[in-house]
Amino acid sequence: MSTLVEVQNVTKVYRRDTMEIPVLQNISLAVPEGEFLALMGPSGSGKTTLLNLISGIDQPTSGSIIVAGTDIAKLNETALAKWRSNHVGFVFQFYNLMPVMTAFENVELPLLLTNLSKKERKERVEAVLRVVGLEDRMDHYPKQLSGGQQQRVAIARAIVTDPTLIIGDEPTGDLDRKSAEEILILLGRLNKEFKKTIIMVTHDPHAAESAHKVQHLDKGELRQD
């Protein structure tokens, strides 16, 4: 299986005035295409920072991050924004839905940046809402949906552009156990049936069990079980 994500000797240091705060130290990681990887570790271990680097939200201080053949550490802000919109689907802990938009409109948002016609957008949105089991809720607003349903809308929005990579930052962190279980089953299905590569940060050992592989970060260093 080919490697989709290759993190090579990545270090991330934040600078605050004259202070340097090291967050990640010499991280190397390879994620094969079709992998479902969970990243675990205590608060402040660098999990979200690593996720942000892999997804092109942030850039490393040194090292390279190659995703689908592109070294994204070398891209400027404009190129990086375009790369993200083409390649990465994000699922956050708190859904990040637009409260004034229906489920349909929230899912359609990323497609407004593409060249798809209105008809093609409609077909694509309806298809992914069927995948997440919310075709009967497409005209509902976020406040009319449960937390689990809102996260399903967020997942539909993440996959509507058919991204190379799905990035989940504590996707079950704000849900009750039953809703969390349903979201993990859905992510597993996206991985297995639709061959989506998923990298998920979680502090929940139960959530991590859904992944093929678990890696632990501790004090900015990666250790493998």
N, C-alpha and C. Protein backbone atom coordinates (compact mmCIF):
# COMPACT_ATOMS: atom_id res chain seq x y z
N MET A 1 0.84 -1.20 0.00
CA MET A 1 0.00 0.00 0.00
C MET A 1 0.88 1.26 0.00
N SER A 2 0.57 2.20 -0.85
CA SER A 2 1.44 3.38 -0.96
C SER A 2 1.26 4.32 0.24
N THR A 3 2.32 5.05 0.54
CA THR A 3 2.29 6.02 1.64
C THR A 3 1.60 7.29 1.17
N LEU A 4 0.58 7.73 1.92
CA LEU A 4 -0.14 8.94 1.56
C LEU A 4 0.45 10.16 2.27
N VAL A 5 0.77 9.98 3.55
CA VAL A 5 1.31 11.08 4.36
C VAL A 5 2.68 10.68 4.89
N GLU A 6 3.67 11.51 4.62
CA GLU A 6 5.01 11.24 5.14
C GLU A 6 5.53 12.49 5.87
N VAL A 7 5.65 12.35 7.18
CA VAL A 7 6.19 13.41 8.03
C VAL A 7 7.65 13.07 8.29
N GLN A 8 8.56 13.95 7.91
CA GLN A 8 9.99 13.64 8.01
C GLN A 8 10.71 14.69 8.86
N ASN A 9 11.21 14.22 10.03
CA ASN A 9 12.05 15.04 10.92
C ASN A 9 11.44 16.42 11.19
N VAL A 10 10.17 16.42 11.55
CA VAL A 10 9.46 17.69 11.76
C VAL A 10 9.61 18.19 13.19
N THR A 11 9.99 19.45 13.28
CA THR A 11 10.07 20.16 14.55
C THR A 11 9.18 21.39 14.46
N LYS A 12 8.47 21.68 15.54
CA LYS A 12 7.65 22.89 15.59
C LYS A 12 7.96 23.67 16.86
N VAL A 13 8.38 24.90 16.67
CA VAL A 13 8.70 25.78 17.80
C VAL A 13 7.86 27.04 17.66
N TYR A 14 7.12 27.38 18.72
CA TYR A 14 6.39 28.65 18.73
C TYR A 14 7.25 29.71 19.41
N ARG A 15 7.23 30.90 18.85
CA ARG A 15 8.02 31.99 19.43
C ARG A 15 7.09 33.02 20.05
N ARG A 16 7.36 33.36 21.30
CA ARG A 16 6.59 34.39 21.99
C ARG A 16 7.58 35.42 22.51
N ASP A 17 7.64 36.57 21.85
CA ASP A 17 8.67 37.58 22.14
C ASP A 17 10.04 36.93 21.96
N THR A 18 10.85 36.89 23.02
CA THR A 18 12.19 36.28 22.88
C THR A 18 12.18 34.82 23.30
N MET A 19 11.02 34.34 23.76
CA MET A 19 10.94 32.96 24.24
C MET A 19 10.67 31.98 23.10
N GLU A 20 11.27 30.82 23.16
CA GLU A 20 10.97 29.75 22.21
C GLU A 20 10.29 28.60 22.97
N ILE A 21 9.15 28.18 22.44
CA ILE A 21 8.41 27.09 23.08
C ILE A 21 8.38 25.90 22.13
N PRO A 22 9.20 24.87 22.39
CA PRO A 22 9.19 23.70 21.51
C PRO A 22 7.93 22.86 21.74
N VAL A 23 7.23 22.50 20.66
CA VAL A 23 6.00 21.72 20.79
C VAL A 23 6.19 20.32 20.22
N LEU A 24 6.85 20.22 19.07
CA LEU A 24 7.15 18.92 18.46
C LEU A 24 8.65 18.83 18.18
N GLN A 25 9.21 17.65 18.46
CA GLN A 25 10.65 17.48 18.29
C GLN A 25 10.96 16.29 17.39
N ASN A 26 11.47 16.60 16.20
CA ASN A 26 11.99 15.58 15.30
C ASN A 26 11.01 14.42 15.07
N ILE A 27 9.80 14.76 14.67
CA ILE A 27 8.75 13.76 14.45
C ILE A 27 8.86 13.18 13.04
N SER A 28 8.83 11.84 12.96
CA SER A 28 8.73 11.17 11.66
C SER A 28 7.59 10.17 11.74
N LEU A 29 6.76 10.18 10.69
CA LEU A 29 5.55 9.36 10.69
C LEU A 29 5.14 9.07 9.26
N ALA A 30 4.78 7.83 8.98
CA ALA A 30 4.28 7.48 7.65
C ALA A 30 2.88 6.90 7.79
N VAL A 31 1.95 7.44 7.00
CA VAL A 31 0.56 6.97 7.03
C VAL A 31 0.21 6.41 5.66
N PRO A 32 -0.02 5.10 5.55
CA PRO A 32 -0.37 4.51 4.26
C PRO A 32 -1.75 4.98 3.78
N GLU A 33 -1.96 4.94 2.49
CA GLU A 33 -3.27 5.24 1.92
C GLU A 33 -4.28 4.24 2.47
N GLY A 34 -5.45 4.73 2.88
CA GLY A 34 -6.48 3.84 3.40
C GLY A 34 -6.35 3.54 4.89
N GLU A 35 -5.37 4.14 5.55
CA GLU A 35 -5.16 3.92 6.99
C GLU A 35 -6.21 4.68 7.81
N PHE A 36 -6.54 4.16 8.99
CA PHE A 36 -7.32 4.89 10.00
C PHE A 36 -6.41 4.96 11.23
N LEU A 37 -5.81 6.12 11.43
CA LEU A 37 -4.81 6.30 12.49
C LEU A 37 -5.38 7.16 13.61
N ALA A 38 -5.18 6.72 14.85
CA ALA A 38 -5.55 7.53 16.01
C ALA A 38 -4.27 8.05 16.66
N LEU A 39 -4.27 9.33 16.97
CA LEU A 39 -3.16 9.95 17.70
C LEU A 39 -3.63 10.24 19.11
N MET A 40 -2.93 9.71 20.09
CA MET A 40 -3.30 9.91 21.49
C MET A 40 -2.15 10.57 22.25
N GLY A 41 -2.48 11.08 23.44
CA GLY A 41 -1.46 11.69 24.28
C GLY A 41 -2.10 12.67 25.23
N PRO A 42 -1.41 13.01 26.31
CA PRO A 42 -1.98 13.95 27.28
C PRO A 42 -2.10 15.35 26.69
N SER A 43 -2.85 16.21 27.38
CA SER A 43 -2.97 17.62 26.95
C SER A 43 -1.58 18.24 26.88
N GLY A 44 -1.35 19.00 25.81
CA GLY A 44 -0.06 19.66 25.67
C GLY A 44 1.02 18.78 25.08
N SER A 45 0.65 17.57 24.63
CA SER A 45 1.66 16.66 24.06
C SER A 45 1.99 16.99 22.61
N GLY A 46 1.15 17.82 21.96
CA GLY A 46 1.42 18.21 20.58
C GLY A 46 0.53 17.54 19.55
N LYS A 47 -0.53 16.82 20.02
CA LYS A 47 -1.41 16.10 19.10
C LYS A 47 -2.06 17.02 18.06
N THR A 48 -2.71 18.08 18.56
CA THR A 48 -3.42 18.98 17.64
C THR A 48 -2.44 19.73 16.76
N THR A 49 -1.27 20.07 17.31
CA THR A 49 -0.26 20.75 16.48
C THR A 49 0.15 19.86 15.32
N LEU A 50 0.39 18.57 15.59
CA LEU A 50 0.77 17.64 14.52
C LEU A 50 -0.35 17.53 13.49
N LEU A 51 -1.59 17.46 13.97
CA LEU A 51 -2.74 17.39 13.07
C LEU A 51 -2.81 18.64 12.19
N ASN A 52 -2.58 19.80 12.81
CA ASN A 52 -2.62 21.07 12.06
C ASN A 52 -1.52 21.14 11.00
N LEU A 53 -0.37 20.55 11.29
CA LEU A 53 0.74 20.54 10.32
C LEU A 53 0.41 19.63 9.14
N ILE A 54 -0.12 18.44 9.45
CA ILE A 54 -0.45 17.47 8.39
C ILE A 54 -1.56 18.00 7.49
N SER A 55 -2.48 18.78 8.08
CA SER A 55 -3.62 19.28 7.30
C SER A 55 -3.36 20.65 6.68
N GLY A 56 -2.15 21.19 6.88
CA GLY A 56 -1.80 22.45 6.23
C GLY A 56 -2.40 23.68 6.88
N ILE A 57 -2.89 23.55 8.12
CA ILE A 57 -3.39 24.73 8.85
C ILE A 57 -2.20 25.53 9.39
N ASP A 58 -1.14 24.80 9.74
CA ASP A 58 0.07 25.42 10.28
C ASP A 58 1.27 24.86 9.52
N GLN A 59 2.43 25.47 9.68
CA GLN A 59 3.62 24.99 8.98
C GLN A 59 4.74 24.69 9.97
N PRO A 60 5.56 23.68 9.68
CA PRO A 60 6.61 23.30 10.62
C PRO A 60 7.76 24.31 10.66
N THR A 61 8.49 24.31 11.76
CA THR A 61 9.69 25.13 11.87
C THR A 61 10.79 24.53 11.01
N SER A 62 10.85 23.20 11.00
CA SER A 62 11.79 22.49 10.12
C SER A 62 11.24 21.11 9.80
N GLY A 63 11.80 20.50 8.76
CA GLY A 63 11.32 19.18 8.33
C GLY A 63 10.38 19.28 7.16
N SER A 64 9.93 18.14 6.65
CA SER A 64 9.02 18.14 5.50
C SER A 64 7.78 17.31 5.80
N ILE A 65 6.67 17.70 5.16
CA ILE A 65 5.41 16.98 5.27
C ILE A 65 4.90 16.77 3.85
N ILE A 66 4.98 15.53 3.42
CA ILE A 66 4.59 15.20 2.04
C ILE A 66 3.25 14.48 2.07
N VAL A 67 2.26 15.07 1.42
CA VAL A 67 0.92 14.47 1.36
C VAL A 67 0.56 14.28 -0.11
N ALA A 68 0.32 13.04 -0.48
CA ALA A 68 -0.03 12.72 -1.88
C ALA A 68 0.97 13.32 -2.86
N GLY A 69 2.26 13.25 -2.49
CA GLY A 69 3.33 13.69 -3.39
C GLY A 69 3.69 15.17 -3.32
N THR A 70 2.96 15.96 -2.52
CA THR A 70 3.26 17.39 -2.40
C THR A 70 3.89 17.69 -1.05
N ASP A 71 5.02 18.37 -1.05
CA ASP A 71 5.63 18.80 0.21
C ASP A 71 4.94 20.10 0.63
N ILE A 72 3.95 19.96 1.52
CA ILE A 72 3.12 21.13 1.85
C ILE A 72 3.87 22.13 2.73
N ALA A 73 4.98 21.71 3.32
CA ALA A 73 5.78 22.63 4.14
C ALA A 73 6.41 23.73 3.27
N LYS A 74 6.46 23.48 1.95
CA LYS A 74 7.09 24.45 1.04
C LYS A 74 6.10 25.39 0.38
N LEU A 75 4.80 25.18 0.65
CA LEU A 75 3.79 26.01 -0.02
C LEU A 75 3.59 27.33 0.71
N ASN A 76 3.30 28.40 -0.07
CA ASN A 76 2.96 29.66 0.58
C ASN A 76 1.50 29.63 1.03
N GLU A 77 1.06 30.67 1.73
CA GLU A 77 -0.29 30.67 2.33
C GLU A 77 -1.39 30.48 1.29
N THR A 78 -1.26 31.14 0.14
CA THR A 78 -2.30 31.05 -0.89
C THR A 78 -2.38 29.64 -1.46
N ALA A 79 -1.22 29.08 -1.78
CA ALA A 79 -1.16 27.72 -2.33
C ALA A 79 -1.65 26.71 -1.30
N LEU A 80 -1.32 26.96 -0.04
CA LEU A 80 -1.72 26.05 1.04
C LEU A 80 -3.24 26.05 1.22
N ALA A 81 -3.84 27.23 1.14
CA ALA A 81 -5.31 27.33 1.28
C ALA A 81 -6.00 26.56 0.16
N LYS A 82 -5.47 26.70 -1.05
CA LYS A 82 -6.04 25.98 -2.19
C LYS A 82 -5.85 24.47 -2.03
N TRP A 83 -4.66 24.09 -1.55
CA TRP A 83 -4.36 22.67 -1.34
C TRP A 83 -5.32 22.08 -0.31
N ARG A 84 -5.53 22.80 0.79
CA ARG A 84 -6.45 22.32 1.85
C ARG A 84 -7.85 22.09 1.31
N SER A 85 -8.35 23.07 0.53
CA SER A 85 -9.73 22.95 0.04
C SER A 85 -9.88 21.78 -0.93
N ASN A 86 -8.80 21.41 -1.61
CA ASN A 86 -8.85 20.29 -2.56
C ASN A 86 -8.62 18.93 -1.91
N HIS A 87 -7.89 18.90 -0.80
CA HIS A 87 -7.40 17.61 -0.29
C HIS A 87 -7.84 17.20 1.11
N VAL A 88 -8.32 18.16 1.92
CA VAL A 88 -8.56 17.83 3.33
C VAL A 88 -10.01 18.10 3.74
N GLY A 89 -10.60 17.10 4.41
CA GLY A 89 -11.92 17.28 5.02
C GLY A 89 -11.75 17.31 6.53
N PHE A 90 -12.28 18.34 7.17
CA PHE A 90 -12.08 18.53 8.62
C PHE A 90 -13.34 18.17 9.40
N VAL A 91 -13.13 17.45 10.52
CA VAL A 91 -14.22 17.18 11.47
C VAL A 91 -13.71 17.62 12.85
N PHE A 92 -14.38 18.62 13.43
CA PHE A 92 -13.92 19.19 14.70
C PHE A 92 -14.79 18.70 15.87
N GLN A 93 -14.32 18.96 17.08
CA GLN A 93 -15.05 18.53 18.27
C GLN A 93 -16.41 19.23 18.37
N PHE A 94 -16.45 20.53 18.04
CA PHE A 94 -17.67 21.30 18.25
C PHE A 94 -18.41 21.62 16.94
N TYR A 95 -18.26 20.75 15.95
CA TYR A 95 -19.04 20.76 14.70
C TYR A 95 -18.75 21.94 13.76
N ASN A 96 -18.66 23.17 14.32
CA ASN A 96 -18.38 24.37 13.50
C ASN A 96 -19.37 24.56 12.36
N LEU A 97 -20.64 24.30 12.64
CA LEU A 97 -21.68 24.53 11.63
C LEU A 97 -22.15 25.98 11.69
N MET A 98 -22.66 26.47 10.56
CA MET A 98 -23.22 27.83 10.50
C MET A 98 -24.66 27.75 11.00
N PRO A 99 -24.98 28.41 12.13
CA PRO A 99 -26.31 28.26 12.73
C PRO A 99 -27.45 28.78 11.87
N VAL A 100 -27.16 29.74 10.96
CA VAL A 100 -28.23 30.34 10.14
C VAL A 100 -28.45 29.57 8.84
N MET A 101 -27.72 28.47 8.68
CA MET A 101 -27.86 27.67 7.45
C MET A 101 -28.43 26.30 7.78
N THR A 102 -29.20 25.75 6.84
CA THR A 102 -29.74 24.39 7.01
C THR A 102 -28.60 23.37 6.88
N ALA A 103 -28.92 22.13 7.22
CA ALA A 103 -27.93 21.05 7.05
C ALA A 103 -27.44 21.00 5.61
N PHE A 104 -28.39 21.10 4.65
CA PHE A 104 -28.04 21.09 3.23
C PHE A 104 -27.05 22.21 2.92
N GLU A 105 -27.37 23.42 3.37
CA GLU A 105 -26.53 24.59 3.04
C GLU A 105 -25.15 24.49 3.70
N ASN A 106 -25.10 23.94 4.91
CA ASN A 106 -23.81 23.76 5.58
C ASN A 106 -22.91 22.79 4.80
N VAL A 107 -23.52 21.71 4.33
CA VAL A 107 -22.75 20.71 3.58
C VAL A 107 -22.33 21.25 2.22
N GLU A 108 -23.17 22.10 1.63
CA GLU A 108 -22.89 22.65 0.30
C GLU A 108 -21.75 23.67 0.32
N LEU A 109 -21.49 24.28 1.49
CA LEU A 109 -20.53 25.38 1.58
C LEU A 109 -19.21 25.14 0.85
N PRO A 110 -18.50 24.02 1.11
CA PRO A 110 -17.20 23.83 0.43
C PRO A 110 -17.32 23.74 -1.09
N LEU A 111 -18.51 23.32 -1.57
CA LEU A 111 -18.69 23.16 -3.02
C LEU A 111 -18.86 24.50 -3.74
N LEU A 112 -19.17 25.55 -2.97
CA LEU A 112 -19.34 26.87 -3.59
C LEU A 112 -18.01 27.40 -4.14
N LEU A 113 -16.91 26.80 -3.69
CA LEU A 113 -15.58 27.21 -4.19
C LEU A 113 -15.16 26.42 -5.42
N THR A 114 -16.02 25.48 -5.84
CA THR A 114 -15.67 24.64 -6.99
C THR A 114 -16.40 25.12 -8.25
N ASN A 115 -16.15 24.44 -9.36
CA ASN A 115 -16.81 24.80 -10.62
C ASN A 115 -18.09 23.99 -10.88
N LEU A 116 -18.56 23.27 -9.86
CA LEU A 116 -19.75 22.45 -10.05
C LEU A 116 -20.98 23.33 -10.27
N SER A 117 -21.89 22.85 -11.11
CA SER A 117 -23.15 23.58 -11.33
C SER A 117 -24.05 23.40 -10.10
N LYS A 118 -25.11 24.19 -10.02
CA LYS A 118 -26.04 24.10 -8.90
C LYS A 118 -26.65 22.69 -8.81
N LYS A 119 -26.97 22.13 -9.97
CA LYS A 119 -27.56 20.78 -10.04
C LYS A 119 -26.55 19.74 -9.53
N GLU A 120 -25.31 19.87 -9.97
CA GLU A 120 -24.27 18.93 -9.53
C GLU A 120 -24.02 19.05 -8.02
N ARG A 121 -24.04 20.29 -7.52
CA ARG A 121 -23.87 20.50 -6.08
C ARG A 121 -25.00 19.82 -5.30
N LYS A 122 -26.22 20.01 -5.79
CA LYS A 122 -27.39 19.43 -5.12
C LYS A 122 -27.27 17.90 -5.07
N GLU A 123 -26.90 17.31 -6.19
CA GLU A 123 -26.75 15.84 -6.24
C GLU A 123 -25.68 15.36 -5.27
N ARG A 124 -24.57 16.08 -5.23
CA ARG A 124 -23.44 15.70 -4.37
C ARG A 124 -23.84 15.80 -2.89
N VAL A 125 -24.50 16.92 -2.52
CA VAL A 125 -24.91 17.13 -1.12
C VAL A 125 -25.91 16.06 -0.69
N GLU A 126 -26.90 15.80 -1.54
CA GLU A 126 -27.91 14.79 -1.19
C GLU A 126 -27.27 13.42 -1.04
N ALA A 127 -26.29 13.12 -1.87
CA ALA A 127 -25.61 11.82 -1.81
C ALA A 127 -24.87 11.64 -0.48
N VAL A 128 -24.13 12.67 -0.05
CA VAL A 128 -23.37 12.51 1.21
C VAL A 128 -24.29 12.55 2.42
N LEU A 129 -25.40 13.30 2.35
CA LEU A 129 -26.35 13.27 3.47
C LEU A 129 -27.01 11.89 3.58
N ARG A 130 -27.17 11.20 2.46
CA ARG A 130 -27.65 9.82 2.51
C ARG A 130 -26.62 8.92 3.18
N VAL A 131 -25.35 9.13 2.83
CA VAL A 131 -24.26 8.31 3.41
C VAL A 131 -24.25 8.43 4.94
N VAL A 132 -24.48 9.64 5.46
CA VAL A 132 -24.43 9.84 6.92
C VAL A 132 -25.81 9.64 7.57
N GLY A 133 -26.81 9.24 6.77
CA GLY A 133 -28.12 8.90 7.32
C GLY A 133 -28.97 10.10 7.71
N LEU A 134 -28.79 11.22 7.02
CA LEU A 134 -29.55 12.44 7.38
C LEU A 134 -30.31 13.03 6.19
N GLU A 135 -30.64 12.19 5.22
CA GLU A 135 -31.34 12.73 4.05
C GLU A 135 -32.71 13.33 4.43
N ASP A 136 -33.28 12.86 5.56
CA ASP A 136 -34.59 13.39 5.99
C ASP A 136 -34.44 14.60 6.90
N ARG A 137 -33.20 15.09 7.09
CA ARG A 137 -32.98 16.25 7.97
C ARG A 137 -32.30 17.41 7.23
N MET A 138 -32.28 17.34 5.90
CA MET A 138 -31.47 18.32 5.17
C MET A 138 -31.98 19.75 5.28
N ASP A 139 -33.28 19.92 5.60
CA ASP A 139 -33.83 21.27 5.72
C ASP A 139 -33.84 21.76 7.17
N HIS A 140 -33.28 20.98 8.08
CA HIS A 140 -33.23 21.38 9.48
C HIS A 140 -32.02 22.27 9.75
N TYR A 141 -32.18 23.18 10.70
CA TYR A 141 -31.07 24.03 11.15
C TYR A 141 -30.33 23.32 12.29
N PRO A 142 -29.04 23.67 12.51
CA PRO A 142 -28.27 22.99 13.56
C PRO A 142 -29.00 22.90 14.91
N LYS A 143 -29.68 23.98 15.32
CA LYS A 143 -30.33 23.98 16.65
C LYS A 143 -31.49 22.97 16.70
N GLN A 144 -31.96 22.52 15.52
CA GLN A 144 -33.05 21.53 15.48
C GLN A 144 -32.51 20.10 15.47
N LEU A 145 -31.20 19.97 15.53
CA LEU A 145 -30.55 18.64 15.47
C LEU A 145 -29.85 18.33 16.78
N SER A 146 -29.76 17.05 17.09
CA SER A 146 -29.00 16.63 18.27
C SER A 146 -27.50 16.79 18.00
N GLY A 147 -26.68 16.67 19.05
CA GLY A 147 -25.23 16.78 18.88
C GLY A 147 -24.70 15.75 17.89
N GLY A 148 -25.19 14.52 18.01
CA GLY A 148 -24.74 13.47 17.08
C GLY A 148 -25.13 13.77 15.65
N GLN A 149 -26.34 14.31 15.46
CA GLN A 149 -26.78 14.66 14.10
C GLN A 149 -25.95 15.83 13.55
N GLN A 150 -25.64 16.80 14.41
CA GLN A 150 -24.81 17.91 13.96
C GLN A 150 -23.43 17.42 13.52
N GLN A 151 -22.88 16.46 14.26
CA GLN A 151 -21.57 15.93 13.88
C GLN A 151 -21.66 15.15 12.56
N ARG A 152 -22.80 14.51 12.31
CA ARG A 152 -23.00 13.83 11.03
C ARG A 152 -23.02 14.84 9.87
N VAL A 153 -23.68 15.98 10.11
CA VAL A 153 -23.67 17.05 9.10
C VAL A 153 -22.24 17.51 8.85
N ALA A 154 -21.47 17.66 9.94
CA ALA A 154 -20.07 18.10 9.82
C ALA A 154 -19.25 17.08 9.02
N ILE A 155 -19.53 15.80 9.24
CA ILE A 155 -18.82 14.75 8.49
C ILE A 155 -19.22 14.79 7.02
N ALA A 156 -20.51 15.00 6.77
CA ALA A 156 -20.98 15.12 5.37
C ALA A 156 -20.28 16.30 4.69
N ARG A 157 -20.15 17.41 5.41
CA ARG A 157 -19.45 18.58 4.85
C ARG A 157 -17.98 18.25 4.58
N ALA A 158 -17.39 17.44 5.46
CA ALA A 158 -15.97 17.08 5.30
C ALA A 158 -15.73 16.20 4.08
N ILE A 159 -16.71 15.35 3.74
CA ILE A 159 -16.48 14.39 2.65
C ILE A 159 -17.08 14.83 1.32
N VAL A 160 -17.84 15.94 1.30
CA VAL A 160 -18.58 16.32 0.09
C VAL A 160 -17.65 16.66 -1.08
N THR A 161 -16.41 17.10 -0.77
CA THR A 161 -15.47 17.43 -1.84
C THR A 161 -14.62 16.21 -2.25
N ASP A 162 -14.94 15.05 -1.66
CA ASP A 162 -14.16 13.82 -1.91
C ASP A 162 -12.67 14.05 -1.60
N PRO A 163 -12.36 14.41 -0.34
CA PRO A 163 -10.97 14.76 0.00
C PRO A 163 -10.03 13.56 0.01
N THR A 164 -8.75 13.86 -0.13
CA THR A 164 -7.71 12.83 -0.06
C THR A 164 -7.59 12.30 1.37
N LEU A 165 -7.85 13.19 2.33
CA LEU A 165 -7.57 12.91 3.73
C LEU A 165 -8.68 13.48 4.61
N ILE A 166 -9.14 12.69 5.60
CA ILE A 166 -10.09 13.21 6.59
C ILE A 166 -9.34 13.40 7.90
N ILE A 167 -9.45 14.61 8.45
CA ILE A 167 -8.78 14.96 9.69
C ILE A 167 -9.83 15.15 10.77
N GLY A 168 -9.72 14.39 11.87
CA GLY A 168 -10.68 14.51 12.96
C GLY A 168 -9.98 14.96 14.24
N ASP A 169 -10.40 16.10 14.79
CA ASP A 169 -9.82 16.58 16.04
C ASP A 169 -10.84 16.37 17.16
N GLU A 170 -10.68 15.29 17.92
CA GLU A 170 -11.62 14.91 18.99
C GLU A 170 -13.06 14.87 18.46
N PRO A 171 -13.34 14.13 17.37
CA PRO A 171 -14.67 14.20 16.76
C PRO A 171 -15.79 13.67 17.65
N THR A 172 -15.45 12.89 18.69
CA THR A 172 -16.49 12.39 19.60
C THR A 172 -16.43 13.06 20.96
N GLY A 173 -15.56 14.06 21.10
CA GLY A 173 -15.28 14.66 22.40
C GLY A 173 -16.44 15.37 23.06
N ASP A 174 -17.44 15.81 22.27
CA ASP A 174 -18.55 16.56 22.83
C ASP A 174 -19.85 15.75 22.82
N LEU A 175 -19.74 14.44 22.59
CA LEU A 175 -20.94 13.62 22.41
C LEU A 175 -21.13 12.63 23.55
N ASP A 176 -22.40 12.24 23.78
CA ASP A 176 -22.66 11.16 24.74
C ASP A 176 -22.18 9.84 24.14
N ARG A 177 -22.11 8.83 24.97
CA ARG A 177 -21.51 7.55 24.55
C ARG A 177 -22.19 6.95 23.32
N LYS A 178 -23.54 6.99 23.30
CA LYS A 178 -24.28 6.38 22.18
C LYS A 178 -23.99 7.13 20.87
N SER A 179 -24.07 8.48 20.93
CA SER A 179 -23.80 9.28 19.72
C SER A 179 -22.35 9.11 19.27
N ALA A 180 -21.44 9.06 20.25
CA ALA A 180 -20.01 8.86 19.92
C ALA A 180 -19.81 7.54 19.19
N GLU A 181 -20.49 6.51 19.67
CA GLU A 181 -20.37 5.18 19.05
C GLU A 181 -20.85 5.23 17.60
N GLU A 182 -21.95 5.93 17.37
CA GLU A 182 -22.50 6.03 16.01
C GLU A 182 -21.53 6.78 15.08
N ILE A 183 -20.89 7.81 15.60
CA ILE A 183 -19.93 8.58 14.80
C ILE A 183 -18.70 7.71 14.47
N LEU A 184 -18.25 6.93 15.44
CA LEU A 184 -17.09 6.05 15.21
C LEU A 184 -17.42 4.98 14.17
N ILE A 185 -18.64 4.46 14.23
CA ILE A 185 -19.08 3.46 13.23
C ILE A 185 -19.10 4.11 11.84
N LEU A 186 -19.59 5.34 11.78
CA LEU A 186 -19.64 6.06 10.49
C LEU A 186 -18.23 6.32 9.95
N LEU A 187 -17.32 6.75 10.81
CA LEU A 187 -15.93 6.97 10.36
C LEU A 187 -15.31 5.66 9.88
N GLY A 188 -15.58 4.58 10.62
CA GLY A 188 -15.08 3.26 10.21
C GLY A 188 -15.62 2.84 8.85
N ARG A 189 -16.89 3.19 8.60
CA ARG A 189 -17.50 2.86 7.31
C ARG A 189 -16.88 3.68 6.18
N LEU A 190 -16.63 4.96 6.44
CA LEU A 190 -15.99 5.82 5.43
C LEU A 190 -14.61 5.27 5.09
N ASN A 191 -13.93 4.75 6.09
CA ASN A 191 -12.60 4.18 5.89
C ASN A 191 -12.68 2.87 5.11
N LYS A 192 -13.59 2.01 5.51
CA LYS A 192 -13.64 0.66 4.93
C LYS A 192 -14.32 0.65 3.55
N GLU A 193 -15.49 1.26 3.47
CA GLU A 193 -16.27 1.20 2.22
C GLU A 193 -15.79 2.20 1.18
N PHE A 194 -15.43 3.40 1.66
CA PHE A 194 -15.09 4.48 0.73
C PHE A 194 -13.58 4.71 0.64
N LYS A 195 -12.83 3.86 1.37
CA LYS A 195 -11.35 3.87 1.31
C LYS A 195 -10.74 5.22 1.70
N LYS A 196 -11.41 5.92 2.63
CA LYS A 196 -10.90 7.22 3.07
C LYS A 196 -9.79 7.05 4.11
N THR A 197 -8.71 7.79 3.93
CA THR A 197 -7.64 7.81 4.91
C THR A 197 -8.03 8.80 6.01
N ILE A 198 -7.99 8.32 7.26
CA ILE A 198 -8.44 9.15 8.38
C ILE A 198 -7.34 9.25 9.43
N ILE A 199 -7.07 10.48 9.87
CA ILE A 199 -6.18 10.70 11.02
C ILE A 199 -7.00 11.41 12.08
N MET A 200 -7.11 10.79 13.23
CA MET A 200 -8.00 11.29 14.29
C MET A 200 -7.24 11.48 15.59
N VAL A 201 -7.33 12.66 16.15
CA VAL A 201 -6.81 12.90 17.50
C VAL A 201 -7.92 12.59 18.49
N THR A 202 -7.60 11.83 19.53
CA THR A 202 -8.59 11.54 20.57
C THR A 202 -7.89 11.32 21.90
N HIS A 203 -8.61 11.64 22.99
CA HIS A 203 -8.08 11.31 24.31
C HIS A 203 -8.80 10.08 24.86
N ASP A 204 -9.77 9.57 24.07
CA ASP A 204 -10.64 8.48 24.52
C ASP A 204 -10.12 7.14 24.01
N PRO A 205 -9.65 6.26 24.91
CA PRO A 205 -9.13 4.95 24.48
C PRO A 205 -10.16 4.15 23.70
N HIS A 206 -11.46 4.30 24.06
CA HIS A 206 -12.51 3.57 23.35
C HIS A 206 -12.60 4.03 21.90
N ALA A 207 -12.51 5.34 21.69
CA ALA A 207 -12.55 5.88 20.32
C ALA A 207 -11.34 5.39 19.54
N ALA A 208 -10.18 5.36 20.20
CA ALA A 208 -8.95 4.93 19.53
C ALA A 208 -9.03 3.49 19.06
N GLU A 209 -9.84 2.68 19.74
CA GLU A 209 -9.98 1.26 19.36
C GLU A 209 -10.60 1.10 17.97
N SER A 210 -11.29 2.14 17.49
CA SER A 210 -11.89 2.09 16.15
C SER A 210 -10.84 2.19 15.04
N ALA A 211 -9.67 2.71 15.39
CA ALA A 211 -8.62 2.92 14.38
C ALA A 211 -7.85 1.63 14.13
N HIS A 212 -7.16 1.57 12.98
CA HIS A 212 -6.29 0.42 12.68
C HIS A 212 -5.05 0.47 13.54
N LYS A 213 -4.61 1.69 13.81
CA LYS A 213 -3.31 1.89 14.44
C LYS A 213 -3.40 3.07 15.39
N VAL A 214 -2.71 2.97 16.52
CA VAL A 214 -2.69 4.06 17.50
C VAL A 214 -1.24 4.48 17.72
N GLN A 215 -1.00 5.77 17.67
CA GLN A 215 0.33 6.30 18.00
C GLN A 215 0.18 7.29 19.13
N HIS A 216 1.17 7.31 20.02
CA HIS A 216 1.12 8.18 21.20
C HIS A 216 2.16 9.28 21.11
N LEU A 217 1.71 10.48 21.42
CA LEU A 217 2.62 11.61 21.54
C LEU A 217 2.81 11.92 23.02
N ASP A 218 4.04 12.20 23.39
CA ASP A 218 4.32 12.56 24.77
C ASP A 218 5.41 13.62 24.78
N LYS A 219 5.08 14.79 25.31
CA LYS A 219 6.04 15.90 25.38
C LYS A 219 6.68 16.19 24.02
N GLY A 220 5.86 16.15 22.99
CA GLY A 220 6.34 16.52 21.66
C GLY A 220 7.10 15.45 20.92
N GLU A 221 7.14 14.25 21.49
CA GLU A 221 7.83 13.14 20.81
C GLU A 221 6.86 11.99 20.57
N LEU A 222 7.10 11.30 19.46
CA LEU A 222 6.20 10.22 19.07
C LEU A 222 6.75 8.90 19.58
N ARG A 223 5.91 8.15 20.27
CA ARG A 223 6.33 6.79 20.63
C ARG A 223 5.31 5.80 20.10
N GLN A 224 5.78 4.70 19.60
CA GLN A 224 4.91 3.72 18.97
C GLN A 224 4.70 2.54 19.90
N ASP A 225 3.43 2.10 20.00
CA ASP A 225 3.14 0.93 20.84
C ASP A 225 3.63 -0.34 20.16
